[in-house]
C-alpha atoms as a PDB file:
ATOM      1  CA  MET A   1      16.721 119.871 111.478  1.00  0.00           C
ATOM      2  CA  THR A   2      19.352 118.470 113.807  1.00  0.00           C
ATOM      3  CA  HIS A   3      21.831 115.788 112.844  1.00  0.00           C
ATOM      4  CA  GLU A   4      23.611 113.910 115.554  1.00  0.00           C
ATOM      5  CA  LEU A   5      26.758 112.001 114.769  1.00  0.00           C
ATOM      6  CA  ARG A   6      28.935 110.248 117.286  1.00  0.00           C
ATOM      7  CA  ILE A   7      32.472 111.628 117.411  1.00  0.00           C
ATOM      8  CA  GLU A   8      33.885 108.177 116.602  1.00  0.00           C
ATOM      9  CA  ASP A   9      31.774 108.046 113.441  1.00  0.00           C
ATOM     10  CA  ALA A  10      32.807 111.559 112.441  1.00  0.00           C
ATOM     11  CA  LEU A  11      36.502 110.754 112.887  1.00  0.00           C
ATOM     12  CA  ALA A  12      36.122 107.584 110.797  1.00  0.00           C
ATOM     13  CA  SER A  13      34.229 109.379 108.028  1.00  0.00           C
ATOM     14  CA  ASP A  14      35.759 109.688 104.561  1.00  0.00           C
ATOM     15  CA  ASP A  15      34.048 113.073 104.192  1.00  0.00           C
ATOM     16  CA  VAL A  16      36.489 115.886 105.000  1.00  0.00           C
ATOM     17  CA  VAL A  17      33.583 118.205 105.908  1.00  0.00           C
ATOM     18  CA  ILE A  18      32.580 115.797 108.671  1.00  0.00           C
ATOM     19  CA  GLN A  19      36.040 114.637 109.739  1.00  0.00           C
ATOM     20  CA  THR A  20      37.743 118.035 110.047  1.00  0.00           C
ATOM     21  CA  PRO A  21      35.475 119.592 112.698  1.00  0.00           C
ATOM     22  CA  ALA A  22      35.659 116.338 114.651  1.00  0.00           C
ATOM     23  CA  VAL A  23      39.410 116.728 115.242  1.00  0.00           C
ATOM     24  CA  LEU A  24      38.718 120.166 116.716  1.00  0.00           C
ATOM     25  CA  ASP A  25      36.092 118.904 119.142  1.00  0.00           C
ATOM     26  CA  ARG A  26      37.176 119.522 122.727  1.00  0.00           C
ATOM     27  CA  HIS A  27      35.958 116.081 123.755  1.00  0.00           C
ATOM     28  CA  ILE A  28      38.933 114.553 121.958  1.00  0.00           C
ATOM     29  CA  GLY A  29      41.786 114.313 124.456  1.00  0.00           C
ATOM     30  CA  LYS A  30      45.528 114.663 123.875  1.00  0.00           C
ATOM     31  CA  ARG A  31      46.163 110.928 123.898  1.00  0.00           C
ATOM     32  CA  ARG A  32      43.525 110.320 121.254  1.00  0.00           C
ATOM     33  CA  LEU A  33      44.790 113.247 119.176  1.00  0.00           C
ATOM     34  CA  GLY A  34      48.233 111.650 119.148  1.00  0.00           C
ATOM     35  CA  LYS A  35      46.761 108.426 117.790  1.00  0.00           C
ATOM     36  CA  LEU A  36      44.846 110.275 115.062  1.00  0.00           C
ATOM     37  CA  ILE A  37      47.958 111.882 113.589  1.00  0.00           C
ATOM     38  CA  ASP A  38      49.312 108.466 112.564  1.00  0.00           C
ATOM     39  CA  LYS A  39      46.381 107.725 110.263  1.00  0.00           C
ATOM     40  CA  PRO A  40      46.003 109.003 106.679  1.00  0.00           C
ATOM     41  CA  ARG A  41      44.029 112.248 106.680  1.00  0.00           C
ATOM     42  CA  HIS A  42      42.951 114.910 104.218  1.00  0.00           C
ATOM     43  CA  PRO A  43      45.575 117.730 104.145  1.00  0.00           C
ATOM     44  CA  LEU A  44      43.156 120.210 105.761  1.00  0.00           C
ATOM     45  CA  THR A  45      42.254 117.769 108.519  1.00  0.00           C
ATOM     46  CA  ARG A  46      45.939 116.938 109.099  1.00  0.00           C
ATOM     47  CA  ARG A  47      46.911 120.619 109.337  1.00  0.00           C
ATOM     48  CA  LEU A  48      44.164 121.439 111.823  1.00  0.00           C
ATOM     49  CA  LEU A  49      45.041 118.331 113.815  1.00  0.00           C
ATOM     50  CA  GLU A  50      48.682 119.450 113.950  1.00  0.00           C
ATOM     51  CA  CYS A  51      47.582 122.933 115.060  1.00  0.00           C
ATOM     52  CA  ARG A  52      45.398 121.432 117.762  1.00  0.00           C
ATOM     53  CA  LEU A  53      48.302 119.280 119.015  1.00  0.00           C
ATOM     54  CA  ASP A  54      50.571 122.355 119.088  1.00  0.00           C
ATOM     55  CA  ILE A  55      47.965 124.310 121.042  1.00  0.00           C
ATOM     56  CA  GLU A  56      47.463 121.447 123.502  1.00  0.00           C
ATOM     57  CA  ALA A  57      51.242 121.204 124.026  1.00  0.00           C
ATOM     58  CA  GLY A  58      51.483 124.968 124.544  1.00  0.00           C
ATOM     59  CA  ALA A  59      48.616 124.968 127.024  1.00  0.00           C
ATOM     60  CA  GLN A  60      50.288 122.189 128.993  1.00  0.00           C
ATOM     61  CA  THR A  61      53.564 124.149 129.066  1.00  0.00           C
ATOM     62  CA  ARG A  62      51.808 127.301 130.309  1.00  0.00           C
ATOM     63  CA  VAL A  63      50.067 125.371 133.096  1.00  0.00           C
ATOM     64  CA  ALA A  64      53.390 123.887 134.229  1.00  0.00           C
ATOM     65  CA  GLU A  65      55.001 127.354 134.236  1.00  0.00           C
ATOM     66  CA  ASP A  66      52.173 128.783 136.353  1.00  0.00           C
ATOM     67  CA  GLU A  67      52.584 126.155 139.067  1.00  0.00           C
END
């Protein structure tokens, strides 16, 4: 059985089990990640979102250093 849920719906969900993997989805860009951090989130979701933002910032720094 396959369940399909749009990423927008997953991010808006009140269910932490649905919302948390959505913030890790690679289809969510840096700009959108920055907007998500300002909204109330479950502590697990917030922590993973912060980690993802840190990783994105580090990846950007490494690309700039390589150029």
